[in-house]
Amino acid sequence: MEPVPKPPAHLTKEAKSWWRKINDEWELGADALLLLRGALEAFDRCQQARKLLAKEGLMVLDRFEQQKAHPAVSIERDSRLQMVKCWRSLNLDVEPPRSGPGRPPGR
């Protein structure tokens, strides 16, 4: 078994935690590690934009003193979409194999 790769240094503490958790549970190849890195970078960017919007608000004034959406709105949206695309490409939501036929037990 290969050692768990260290998280990229530029990721936030929360993203590094996700990196470790996922790498502890899954054995990822080099291509999947790139997707994971992209997902976590997008996560960090989304969180940065969300915090900026919480501080500055959703609307800003343009040069004509008209309200328009804060640029961070599109950054948050685009980052969130990129993160979801990477997660889907990683295909980590695979249901574990069951011991027999039929529905899984209820909770």
PDB file of N, CA and C in Angstrom:
ATOM      1  N   MET A   1       0.842  -1.184   0.000  1.00  0.00           N
ATOM      2  CA  MET A   1       0.000   0.000   0.000  1.00  0.00           C
ATOM      3  C   MET A   1       0.886   1.245   0.000  1.00  0.00           C
ATOM      4  N   GLU A   2       0.557   2.158  -0.881  1.00  0.00           N
ATOM      5  CA  GLU A   2       1.325   3.392  -1.024  1.00  0.00           C
ATOM      6  C   GLU A   2       1.006   4.348   0.133  1.00  0.00           C
ATOM      7  N   PRO A   3       1.981   5.177   0.527  1.00  0.00           N
ATOM      8  CA  PRO A   3       1.693   6.169   1.578  1.00  0.00           C
ATOM      9  C   PRO A   3       0.696   7.207   1.063  1.00  0.00           C
ATOM     10  N   VAL A   4      -0.084   7.755   1.975  1.00  0.00           N
ATOM     11  CA  VAL A   4      -1.074   8.781   1.618  1.00  0.00           C
ATOM     12  C   VAL A   4      -0.328  10.037   1.196  1.00  0.00           C
ATOM     13  N   PRO A   5      -0.637  10.552  -0.015  1.00  0.00           N
ATOM     14  CA  PRO A   5       0.053  11.772  -0.457  1.00  0.00           C
ATOM     15  C   PRO A   5      -0.331  12.969   0.404  1.00  0.00           C
ATOM     16  N   LYS A   6       0.648  13.827   0.640  1.00  0.00           N
ATOM     17  CA  LYS A   6       0.402  15.032   1.435  1.00  0.00           C
ATOM     18  C   LYS A   6      -0.478  15.995   0.645  1.00  0.00           C
ATOM     19  N   PRO A   7      -1.337  16.731   1.351  1.00  0.00           N
ATOM     20  CA  PRO A   7      -2.170  17.716   0.651  1.00  0.00           C
ATOM     21  C   PRO A   7      -1.318  18.874   0.138  1.00  0.00           C
ATOM     22  N   PRO A   8      -1.728  19.474  -0.975  1.00  0.00           N
ATOM     23  CA  PRO A   8      -1.010  20.648  -1.461  1.00  0.00           C
ATOM     24  C   PRO A   8      -0.961  21.739  -0.393  1.00  0.00           C
ATOM     25  N   ALA A   9       0.166  22.384  -0.266  1.00  0.00           N
ATOM     26  CA  ALA A   9       0.402  23.361   0.804  1.00  0.00           C
ATOM     27  C   ALA A   9      -0.525  24.570   0.728  1.00  0.00           C
ATOM     28  N   HIS A  10      -0.976  24.938  -0.465  1.00  0.00           N
ATOM     29  CA  HIS A  10      -1.780  26.154  -0.615  1.00  0.00           C
ATOM     30  C   HIS A  10      -3.242  25.975  -0.221  1.00  0.00           C
ATOM     31  N   LEU A  11      -3.677  24.753   0.034  1.00  0.00           N
ATOM     32  CA  LEU A  11      -5.068  24.525   0.414  1.00  0.00           C
ATOM     33  C   LEU A  11      -5.316  25.006   1.840  1.00  0.00           C
ATOM     34  N   THR A  12      -6.561  25.360   2.115  1.00  0.00           N
ATOM     35  CA  THR A  12      -6.935  25.769   3.473  1.00  0.00           C
ATOM     36  C   THR A  12      -6.927  24.556   4.399  1.00  0.00           C
ATOM     37  N   LYS A  13      -7.007  24.826   5.674  1.00  0.00           N
ATOM     38  CA  LYS A  13      -7.014  23.755   6.673  1.00  0.00           C
ATOM     39  C   LYS A  13      -8.182  22.788   6.427  1.00  0.00           C
ATOM     40  N   GLU A  14      -9.354  23.336   6.127  1.00  0.00           N
ATOM     41  CA  GLU A  14     -10.531  22.495   5.881  1.00  0.00           C
ATOM     42  C   GLU A  14     -10.346  21.632   4.630  1.00  0.00           C
ATOM     43  N   ALA A  15      -9.809  22.219   3.562  1.00  0.00           N
ATOM     44  CA  ALA A  15      -9.578  21.457   2.333  1.00  0.00           C
ATOM     45  C   ALA A  15      -8.522  20.376   2.553  1.00  0.00           C
ATOM     46  N   LYS A  16      -7.488  20.686   3.326  1.00  0.00           N
ATOM     47  CA  LYS A  16      -6.467  19.680   3.638  1.00  0.00           C
ATOM     48  C   LYS A  16      -7.069  18.526   4.426  1.00  0.00           C
ATOM     49  N   SER A  17      -7.998  18.834   5.296  1.00  0.00           N
ATOM     50  CA  SER A  17      -8.675  17.793   6.060  1.00  0.00           C
ATOM     51  C   SER A  17      -9.452  16.869   5.129  1.00  0.00           C
ATOM     52  N   TRP A  18     -10.158  17.444   4.159  1.00  0.00           N
ATOM     53  CA  TRP A  18     -10.870  16.637   3.164  1.00  0.00           C
ATOM     54  C   TRP A  18      -9.890  15.789   2.355  1.00  0.00           C
ATOM     55  N   TRP A  19      -8.768  16.366   1.960  1.00  0.00           N
ATOM     56  CA  TRP A  19      -7.742  15.645   1.199  1.00  0.00           C
ATOM     57  C   TRP A  19      -7.322  14.384   1.954  1.00  0.00           C
ATOM     58  N   ARG A  20      -6.998  14.569   3.248  1.00  0.00           N
ATOM     59  CA  ARG A  20      -6.541  13.434   4.059  1.00  0.00           C
ATOM     60  C   ARG A  20      -7.632  12.384   4.215  1.00  0.00           C
ATOM     61  N   LYS A  21      -8.844  12.836   4.496  1.00  0.00           N
ATOM     62  CA  LYS A  21      -9.958  11.914   4.698  1.00  0.00           C
ATOM     63  C   LYS A  21     -10.212  11.075   3.451  1.00  0.00           C
ATOM     64  N   ILE A  22     -10.245  11.717   2.307  1.00  0.00           N
ATOM     65  CA  ILE A  22     -10.518  10.998   1.060  1.00  0.00           C
ATOM     66  C   ILE A  22      -9.372  10.057   0.725  1.00  0.00           C
ATOM     67  N   ASN A  23      -8.148  10.511   0.910  1.00  0.00           N
ATOM     68  CA  ASN A  23      -7.005   9.650   0.599  1.00  0.00           C
ATOM     69  C   ASN A  23      -6.856   8.502   1.592  1.00  0.00           C
ATOM     70  N   ASP A  24      -7.376   8.657   2.805  1.00  0.00           N
ATOM     71  CA  ASP A  24      -7.384   7.550   3.766  1.00  0.00           C
ATOM     72  C   ASP A  24      -8.383   6.470   3.358  1.00  0.00           C
ATOM     73  N   GLU A  25      -9.488   6.886   2.752  1.00  0.00           N
ATOM     74  CA  GLU A  25     -10.559   5.948   2.418  1.00  0.00           C
ATOM     75  C   GLU A  25     -10.460   5.382   1.007  1.00  0.00           C
ATOM     76  N   TRP A  26      -9.789   6.080   0.107  1.00  0.00           N
ATOM     77  CA  TRP A  26      -9.720   5.667  -1.293  1.00  0.00           C
ATOM     78  C   TRP A  26      -8.264   5.648  -1.740  1.00  0.00           C
ATOM     79  N   GLU A  27      -7.938   4.732  -2.595  1.00  0.00           N
ATOM     80  CA  GLU A  27      -6.613   4.707  -3.212  1.00  0.00           C
ATOM     81  C   GLU A  27      -6.744   5.364  -4.582  1.00  0.00           C
ATOM     82  N   LEU A  28      -6.252   6.582  -4.678  1.00  0.00           N
ATOM     83  CA  LEU A  28      -6.425   7.377  -5.889  1.00  0.00           C
ATOM     84  C   LEU A  28      -5.174   7.354  -6.744  1.00  0.00           C
ATOM     85  N   GLY A  29      -5.382   7.281  -8.053  1.00  0.00           N
ATOM     86  CA  GLY A  29      -4.282   7.381  -8.990  1.00  0.00           C
ATOM     87  C   GLY A  29      -3.908   8.834  -9.223  1.00  0.00           C
ATOM     88  N   ALA A  30      -2.880   9.043 -10.032  1.00  0.00           N
ATOM     89  CA  ALA A  30      -2.395  10.405 -10.291  1.00  0.00           C
ATOM     90  C   ALA A  30      -3.469  11.278 -10.926  1.00  0.00           C
ATOM     91  N   ASP A  31      -4.257  10.715 -11.841  1.00  0.00           N
ATOM     92  CA  ASP A  31      -5.308  11.500 -12.490  1.00  0.00           C
ATOM     93  C   ASP A  31      -6.399  11.895 -11.496  1.00  0.00           C
ATOM     94  N   ALA A  32      -6.757  10.984 -10.605  1.00  0.00           N
ATOM     95  CA  ALA A  32      -7.773  11.287  -9.595  1.00  0.00           C
ATOM     96  C   ALA A  32      -7.259  12.311  -8.586  1.00  0.00           C
ATOM     97  N   LEU A  33      -5.973  12.266  -8.282  1.00  0.00           N
ATOM     98  CA  LEU A  33      -5.399  13.259  -7.362  1.00  0.00           C
ATOM     99  C   LEU A  33      -5.483  14.661  -7.954  1.00  0.00           C
ATOM    100  N   LEU A  34      -5.307  14.766  -9.272  1.00  0.00           N
ATOM    101  CA  LEU A  34      -5.448  16.074  -9.927  1.00  0.00           C
ATOM    102  C   LEU A  34      -6.888  16.574  -9.845  1.00  0.00           C
ATOM    103  N   LEU A  35      -7.842  15.660 -10.027  1.00  0.00           N
ATOM    104  CA  LEU A  35      -9.249  16.040  -9.901  1.00  0.00           C
ATOM    105  C   LEU A  35      -9.590  16.442  -8.471  1.00  0.00           C
ATOM    106  N   LEU A  36      -9.059  15.701  -7.508  1.00  0.00           N
ATOM    107  CA  LEU A  36      -9.293  16.024  -6.104  1.00  0.00           C
ATOM    108  C   LEU A  36      -8.706  17.397  -5.777  1.00  0.00           C
ATOM    109  N   ARG A  37      -7.515  17.641  -6.264  1.00  0.00           N
ATOM    110  CA  ARG A  37      -6.892  18.951  -6.046  1.00  0.00           C
ATOM    111  C   ARG A  37      -7.744  20.067  -6.641  1.00  0.00           C
ATOM    112  N   GLY A  38      -8.224  19.853  -7.860  1.00  0.00           N
ATOM    113  CA  GLY A  38      -9.086  20.841  -8.509  1.00  0.00           C
ATOM    114  C   GLY A  38     -10.372  21.072  -7.741  1.00  0.00           C
ATOM    115  N   ALA A  39     -10.967  19.996  -7.235  1.00  0.00           N
ATOM    116  CA  ALA A  39     -12.203  20.122  -6.454  1.00  0.00           C
ATOM    117  C   ALA A  39     -11.965  20.928  -5.187  1.00  0.00           C
ATOM    118  N   LEU A  40     -10.859  20.656  -4.516  1.00  0.00           N
ATOM    119  CA  LEU A  40     -10.577  21.352  -3.260  1.00  0.00           C
ATOM    120  C   LEU A  40     -10.133  22.796  -3.481  1.00  0.00           C
ATOM    121  N   GLU A  41      -9.446  23.057  -4.573  1.00  0.00           N
ATOM    122  CA  GLU A  41      -9.117  24.446  -4.914  1.00  0.00           C
ATOM    123  C   GLU A  41     -10.395  25.223  -5.204  1.00  0.00           C
ATOM    124  N   ALA A  42     -11.316  24.597  -5.941  1.00  0.00           N
ATOM    125  CA  ALA A  42     -12.589  25.241  -6.240  1.00  0.00           C
ATOM    126  C   ALA A  42     -13.393  25.461  -4.956  1.00  0.00           C
ATOM    127  N   PHE A  43     -13.329  24.493  -4.041  1.00  0.00           N
ATOM    128  CA  PHE A  43     -13.995  24.630  -2.746  1.00  0.00           C
ATOM    129  C   PHE A  43     -13.453  25.854  -2.009  1.00  0.00           C
ATOM    130  N   ASP A  44     -12.126  25.968  -1.946  1.00  0.00           N
ATOM    131  CA  ASP A  44     -11.510  27.104  -1.265  1.00  0.00           C
ATOM    132  C   ASP A  44     -11.908  28.430  -1.910  1.00  0.00           C
ATOM    133  N   ARG A  45     -11.893  28.482  -3.232  1.00  0.00           N
ATOM    134  CA  ARG A  45     -12.257  29.712  -3.950  1.00  0.00           C
ATOM    135  C   ARG A  45     -13.721  30.068  -3.675  1.00  0.00           C
ATOM    136  N   CYS A  46     -14.573  29.075  -3.670  1.00  0.00           N
ATOM    137  CA  CYS A  46     -15.994  29.294  -3.392  1.00  0.00           C
ATOM    138  C   CYS A  46     -16.178  29.871  -1.986  1.00  0.00           C
ATOM    139  N   GLN A  47     -15.455  29.328  -1.028  1.00  0.00           N
ATOM    140  CA  GLN A  47     -15.554  29.814   0.349  1.00  0.00           C
ATOM    141  C   GLN A  47     -15.020  31.241   0.471  1.00  0.00           C
ATOM    142  N   GLN A  48     -13.943  31.551  -0.243  1.00  0.00           N
ATOM    143  CA  GLN A  48     -13.415  32.918  -0.231  1.00  0.00           C
ATOM    144  C   GLN A  48     -14.454  33.899  -0.763  1.00  0.00           C
ATOM    145  N   ALA A  49     -15.078  33.536  -1.880  1.00  0.00           N
ATOM    146  CA  ALA A  49     -16.083  34.413  -2.481  1.00  0.00           C
ATOM    147  C   ALA A  49     -17.287  34.563  -1.551  1.00  0.00           C
ATOM    148  N   ARG A  50     -17.707  33.476  -0.917  1.00  0.00           N
ATOM    149  CA  ARG A  50     -18.851  33.515  -0.006  1.00  0.00           C
ATOM    150  C   ARG A  50     -18.580  34.451   1.163  1.00  0.00           C
ATOM    151  N   LYS A  51     -17.371  34.374   1.722  1.00  0.00           N
ATOM    152  CA  LYS A  51     -17.006  35.252   2.844  1.00  0.00           C
ATOM    153  C   LYS A  51     -16.959  36.718   2.410  1.00  0.00           C
ATOM    154  N   LEU A  52     -16.437  36.971   1.217  1.00  0.00           N
ATOM    155  CA  LEU A  52     -16.391  38.338   0.704  1.00  0.00           C
ATOM    156  C   LEU A  52     -17.797  38.884   0.505  1.00  0.00           C
ATOM    157  N   LEU A  53     -18.697  38.053  -0.022  1.00  0.00           N
ATOM    158  CA  LEU A  53     -20.084  38.480  -0.219  1.00  0.00           C
ATOM    159  C   LEU A  53     -20.777  38.746   1.114  1.00  0.00           C
ATOM    160  N   ALA A  54     -20.485  37.936   2.115  1.00  0.00           N
ATOM    161  CA  ALA A  54     -21.078  38.161   3.435  1.00  0.00           C
ATOM    162  C   ALA A  54     -20.626  39.498   4.010  1.00  0.00           C
ATOM    163  N   LYS A  55     -19.397  39.878   3.703  1.00  0.00           N
ATOM    164  CA  LYS A  55     -18.842  41.132   4.224  1.00  0.00           C
ATOM    165  C   LYS A  55     -19.308  42.349   3.406  1.00  0.00           C
ATOM    166  N   GLU A  56     -19.280  42.217   2.076  1.00  0.00           N
ATOM    167  CA  GLU A  56     -19.532  43.377   1.209  1.00  0.00           C
ATOM    168  C   GLU A  56     -20.935  43.437   0.618  1.00  0.00           C
ATOM    169  N   GLY A  57     -21.680  42.340   0.688  1.00  0.00           N
ATOM    170  CA  GLY A  57     -23.031  42.315   0.134  1.00  0.00           C
ATOM    171  C   GLY A  57     -23.066  41.790  -1.286  1.00  0.00           C
ATOM    172  N   LEU A  58     -24.266  41.456  -1.716  1.00  0.00           N
ATOM    173  CA  LEU A  58     -24.449  40.869  -3.050  1.00  0.00           C
ATOM    174  C   LEU A  58     -24.403  41.890  -4.182  1.00  0.00           C
ATOM    175  N   MET A  59     -24.660  43.157  -3.857  1.00  0.00           N
ATOM    176  CA  MET A  59     -24.752  44.182  -4.890  1.00  0.00           C
ATOM    177  C   MET A  59     -23.659  45.234  -4.711  1.00  0.00           C
ATOM    178  N   VAL A  60     -23.206  45.781  -5.843  1.00  0.00           N
ATOM    179  CA  VAL A  60     -22.261  46.899  -5.857  1.00  0.00           C
ATOM    180  C   VAL A  60     -22.790  47.945  -6.838  1.00  0.00           C
ATOM    181  N   LEU A  61     -22.244  49.136  -6.751  1.00  0.00           N
ATOM    182  CA  LEU A  61     -22.628  50.181  -7.697  1.00  0.00           C
ATOM    183  C   LEU A  61     -21.623  50.221  -8.840  1.00  0.00           C
ATOM    184  N   ASP A  62     -22.145  50.337 -10.061  1.00  0.00           N
ATOM    185  CA  ASP A  62     -21.258  50.454 -11.210  1.00  0.00           C
ATOM    186  C   ASP A  62     -20.859  51.917 -11.411  1.00  0.00           C
ATOM    187  N   ARG A  63     -20.175  52.236 -12.476  1.00  0.00           N
ATOM    188  CA  ARG A  63     -19.696  53.601 -12.693  1.00  0.00           C
ATOM    189  C   ARG A  63     -20.820  54.602 -12.948  1.00  0.00           C
ATOM    190  N   PHE A  64     -22.031  54.087 -13.255  1.00  0.00           N
ATOM    191  CA  PHE A  64     -23.191  54.951 -13.462  1.00  0.00           C
ATOM    192  C   PHE A  64     -24.069  55.013 -12.213  1.00  0.00           C
ATOM    193  N   GLU A  65     -23.518  54.497 -11.081  1.00  0.00           N
ATOM    194  CA  GLU A  65     -24.231  54.474  -9.807  1.00  0.00           C
ATOM    195  C   GLU A  65     -25.474  53.576  -9.843  1.00  0.00           C
ATOM    196  N   GLN A  66     -25.439  52.576 -10.706  1.00  0.00           N
ATOM    197  CA  GLN A  66     -26.520  51.598 -10.794  1.00  0.00           C
ATOM    198  C   GLN A  66     -26.081  50.316 -10.090  1.00  0.00           C
ATOM    199  N   GLN A  67     -27.037  49.678  -9.410  1.00  0.00           N
ATOM    200  CA  GLN A  67     -26.694  48.437  -8.719  1.00  0.00           C
ATOM    201  C   GLN A  67     -26.497  47.298  -9.713  1.00  0.00           C
ATOM    202  N   LYS A  68     -25.506  46.482  -9.423  1.00  0.00           N
ATOM    203  CA  LYS A  68     -25.276  45.268 -10.199  1.00  0.00           C
ATOM    204  C   LYS A  68     -24.726  44.214  -9.246  1.00  0.00           C
ATOM    205  N   ALA A  69     -24.751  42.987  -9.693  1.00  0.00           N
ATOM    206  CA  ALA A  69     -24.266  41.890  -8.852  1.00  0.00           C
ATOM    207  C   ALA A  69     -22.776  42.062  -8.576  1.00  0.00           C
ATOM    208  N   HIS A  70     -22.405  41.782  -7.350  1.00  0.00           N
ATOM    209  CA  HIS A  70     -20.995  41.795  -6.944  1.00  0.00           C
ATOM    210  C   HIS A  70     -20.250  40.755  -7.798  1.00  0.00           C
ATOM    211  N   PRO A  71     -19.037  41.059  -8.281  1.00  0.00           N
ATOM    212  CA  PRO A  71     -18.288  40.091  -9.079  1.00  0.00           C
ATOM    213  C   PRO A  71     -18.061  38.748  -8.369  1.00  0.00           C
ATOM    214  N   ALA A  72     -18.046  38.764  -7.054  1.00  0.00           N
ATOM    215  CA  ALA A  72     -17.825  37.520  -6.315  1.00  0.00           C
ATOM    216  C   ALA A  72     -19.010  36.566  -6.432  1.00  0.00           C
ATOM    217  N   VAL A  73     -20.175  37.078  -6.852  1.00  0.00           N
ATOM    218  CA  VAL A  73     -21.336  36.200  -7.054  1.00  0.00           C
ATOM    219  C   VAL A  73     -21.011  35.173  -8.134  1.00  0.00           C
ATOM    220  N   SER A  74     -20.458  35.642  -9.245  1.00  0.00           N
ATOM    221  CA  SER A  74     -20.127  34.708 -10.324  1.00  0.00           C
ATOM    222  C   SER A  74     -18.926  33.833  -9.962  1.00  0.00           C
ATOM    223  N   ILE A  75     -18.012  34.357  -9.182  1.00  0.00           N
ATOM    224  CA  ILE A  75     -16.872  33.546  -8.728  1.00  0.00           C
ATOM    225  C   ILE A  75     -17.365  32.404  -7.853  1.00  0.00           C
ATOM    226  N   GLU A  76     -18.283  32.713  -6.936  1.00  0.00           N
ATOM    227  CA  GLU A  76     -18.826  31.661  -6.067  1.00  0.00           C
ATOM    228  C   GLU A  76     -19.567  30.607  -6.900  1.00  0.00           C
ATOM    229  N   ARG A  77     -20.415  31.049  -7.807  1.00  0.00           N
ATOM    230  CA  ARG A  77     -21.187  30.133  -8.647  1.00  0.00           C
ATOM    231  C   ARG A  77     -20.275  29.254  -9.500  1.00  0.00           C
ATOM    232  N   ASP A  78     -19.324  29.880 -10.177  1.00  0.00           N
ATOM    233  CA  ASP A  78     -18.441  29.132 -11.065  1.00  0.00           C
ATOM    234  C   ASP A  78     -17.571  28.147 -10.286  1.00  0.00           C
ATOM    235  N   SER A  79     -17.099  28.563  -9.128  1.00  0.00           N
ATOM    236  CA  SER A  79     -16.274  27.669  -8.302  1.00  0.00           C
ATOM    237  C   SER A  79     -17.083  26.482  -7.803  1.00  0.00           C
ATOM    238  N   ARG A  80     -18.308  26.745  -7.405  1.00  0.00           N
ATOM    239  CA  ARG A  80     -19.180  25.669  -6.930  1.00  0.00           C
ATOM    240  C   ARG A  80     -19.437  24.661  -8.053  1.00  0.00           C
ATOM    241  N   LEU A  81     -19.708  25.158  -9.252  1.00  0.00           N
ATOM    242  CA  LEU A  81     -19.942  24.263 -10.394  1.00  0.00           C
ATOM    243  C   LEU A  81     -18.701  23.441 -10.718  1.00  0.00           C
ATOM    244  N   GLN A  82     -17.544  24.080 -10.684  1.00  0.00           N
ATOM    245  CA  GLN A  82     -16.298  23.370 -10.958  1.00  0.00           C
ATOM    246  C   GLN A  82     -16.048  22.291  -9.909  1.00  0.00           C
ATOM    247  N   MET A  83     -16.327  22.610  -8.661  1.00  0.00           N
ATOM    248  CA  MET A  83     -16.140  21.649  -7.582  1.00  0.00           C
ATOM    249  C   MET A  83     -17.038  20.434  -7.798  1.00  0.00           C
ATOM    250  N   VAL A  84     -18.300  20.664  -8.135  1.00  0.00           N
ATOM    251  CA  VAL A  84     -19.247  19.570  -8.354  1.00  0.00           C
ATOM    252  C   VAL A  84     -18.805  18.709  -9.538  1.00  0.00           C
ATOM    253  N   LYS A  85     -18.340  19.334 -10.601  1.00  0.00           N
ATOM    254  CA  LYS A  85     -17.875  18.570 -11.766  1.00  0.00           C
ATOM    255  C   LYS A  85     -16.694  17.670 -11.396  1.00  0.00           C
ATOM    256  N   CYS A  86     -15.777  18.203 -10.624  1.00  0.00           N
ATOM    257  CA  CYS A  86     -14.625  17.394 -10.203  1.00  0.00           C
ATOM    258  C   CYS A  86     -15.066  16.231  -9.319  1.00  0.00           C
ATOM    259  N   TRP A  87     -15.976  16.502  -8.356  1.00  0.00           N
ATOM    260  CA  TRP A  87     -16.463  15.418  -7.484  1.00  0.00           C
ATOM    261  C   TRP A  87     -17.104  14.327  -8.306  1.00  0.00           C
ATOM    262  N   ARG A  88     -17.942  14.723  -9.273  1.00  0.00           N
ATOM    263  CA  ARG A  88     -18.602  13.716 -10.121  1.00  0.00           C
ATOM    264  C   ARG A  88     -17.586  12.918 -10.922  1.00  0.00           C
ATOM    265  N   SER A  89     -16.572  13.589 -11.432  1.00  0.00           N
ATOM    266  CA  SER A  89     -15.542  12.894 -12.206  1.00  0.00           C
ATOM    267  C   SER A  89     -14.753  11.920 -11.347  1.00  0.00           C
ATOM    268  N   LEU A  90     -14.594  12.241 -10.070  1.00  0.00           N
ATOM    269  CA  LEU A  90     -13.892  11.332  -9.160  1.00  0.00           C
ATOM    270  C   LEU A  90     -14.690  10.059  -8.898  1.00  0.00           C
ATOM    271  N   ASN A  91     -16.013  10.158  -9.007  1.00  0.00           N
ATOM    272  CA  ASN A  91     -16.880   8.994  -8.846  1.00  0.00           C
ATOM    273  C   ASN A  91     -16.670   8.301  -7.500  1.00  0.00           C
ATOM    274  N   LEU A  92     -16.561   9.078  -6.445  1.00  0.00           N
ATOM    275  CA  LEU A  92     -16.334   8.522  -5.115  1.00  0.00           C
ATOM    276  C   LEU A  92     -17.624   8.149  -4.402  1.00  0.00           C
ATOM    277  N   ASP A  93     -18.761   8.443  -5.017  1.00  0.00           N
ATOM    278  CA  ASP A  93     -20.021   8.147  -4.356  1.00  0.00           C
ATOM    279  C   ASP A  93     -20.557   6.764  -4.720  1.00  0.00           C
ATOM    280  N   VAL A  94     -19.673   5.881  -5.102  1.00  0.00           N
ATOM    281  CA  VAL A  94     -20.062   4.533  -5.484  1.00  0.00           C
ATOM    282  C   VAL A  94     -20.545   3.791  -4.246  1.00  0.00           C
ATOM    283  N   GLU A  95     -21.684   3.118  -4.384  1.00  0.00           N
ATOM    284  CA  GLU A  95     -22.228   2.352  -3.272  1.00  0.00           C
ATOM    285  C   GLU A  95     -21.355   1.122  -3.041  1.00  0.00           C
ATOM    286  N   PRO A  96     -21.008   0.831  -1.799  1.00  0.00           N
ATOM    287  CA  PRO A  96     -20.176  -0.341  -1.533  1.00  0.00           C
ATOM    288  C   PRO A  96     -20.909  -1.627  -1.877  1.00  0.00           C
ATOM    289  N   PRO A  97     -20.183  -2.664  -2.265  1.00  0.00           N
ATOM    290  CA  PRO A  97     -20.842  -3.924  -2.621  1.00  0.00           C
ATOM    291  C   PRO A  97     -21.570  -4.523  -1.428  1.00  0.00           C
ATOM    292  N   ARG A  98     -22.687  -5.188  -1.725  1.00  0.00           N
ATOM    293  CA  ARG A  98     -23.480  -5.838  -0.679  1.00  0.00           C
ATOM    294  C   ARG A  98     -23.193  -7.330  -0.670  1.00  0.00           C
ATOM    295  N   SER A  99     -23.498  -7.945   0.430  1.00  0.00           N
ATOM    296  CA  SER A  99     -23.216  -9.366   0.578  1.00  0.00           C
ATOM    297  C   SER A  99     -24.222 -10.244  -0.149  1.00  0.00           C
ATOM    298  N   GLY A 100     -25.376  -9.726  -0.508  1.00  0.00           N
ATOM    299  CA  GLY A 100     -26.370 -10.550  -1.167  1.00  0.00           C
ATOM    300  C   GLY A 100     -27.369  -9.710  -1.920  1.00  0.00           C
ATOM    301  N   PRO A 101     -28.350 -10.356  -2.570  1.00  0.00           N
ATOM    302  CA  PRO A 101     -29.336  -9.622  -3.355  1.00  0.00           C
ATOM    303  C   PRO A 101     -30.346  -8.913  -2.451  1.00  0.00           C
ATOM    304  N   GLY A 102     -31.125  -8.033  -3.043  1.00  0.00           N
ATOM    305  CA  GLY A 102     -32.164  -7.349  -2.302  1.00  0.00           C
ATOM    306  C   GLY A 102     -31.802  -5.937  -1.922  1.00  0.00           C
ATOM    307  N   ARG A 103     -32.736  -5.305  -1.246  1.00  0.00           N
ATOM    308  CA  ARG A 103     -32.539  -3.927  -0.822  1.00  0.00           C
ATOM    309  C   ARG A 103     -31.605  -3.877   0.379  1.00  0.00           C
ATOM    310  N   PRO A 104     -30.886  -2.778   0.528  1.00  0.00           N
ATOM    311  CA  PRO A 104     -30.053  -2.642   1.731  1.00  0.00           C
ATOM    312  C   PRO A 104     -30.941  -2.473   2.956  1.00  0.00           C
ATOM    313  N   PRO A 105     -30.439  -2.826   4.132  1.00  0.00           N
ATOM    314  CA  PRO A 105     -31.239  -2.691   5.340  1.00  0.00           C
ATOM    315  C   PRO A 105     -31.581  -1.241   5.631  1.00  0.00           C
ATOM    316  N   GLY A 106     -32.748  -1.013   6.247  1.00  0.00           N
ATOM    317  CA  GLY A 106     -33.179   0.330   6.617  1.00  0.00           C
ATOM    318  C   GLY A 106     -32.386   0.856   7.793  1.00  0.00           C
ATOM    319  N   ARG A 107     -32.474   2.157   7.975  1.00  0.00           N
ATOM    320  CA  ARG A 107     -31.749   2.761   9.092  1.00  0.00           C
ATOM    321  C   ARG A 107     -32.656   3.021  10.238  1.00  0.00           C
TER     322      ARG A 107
END
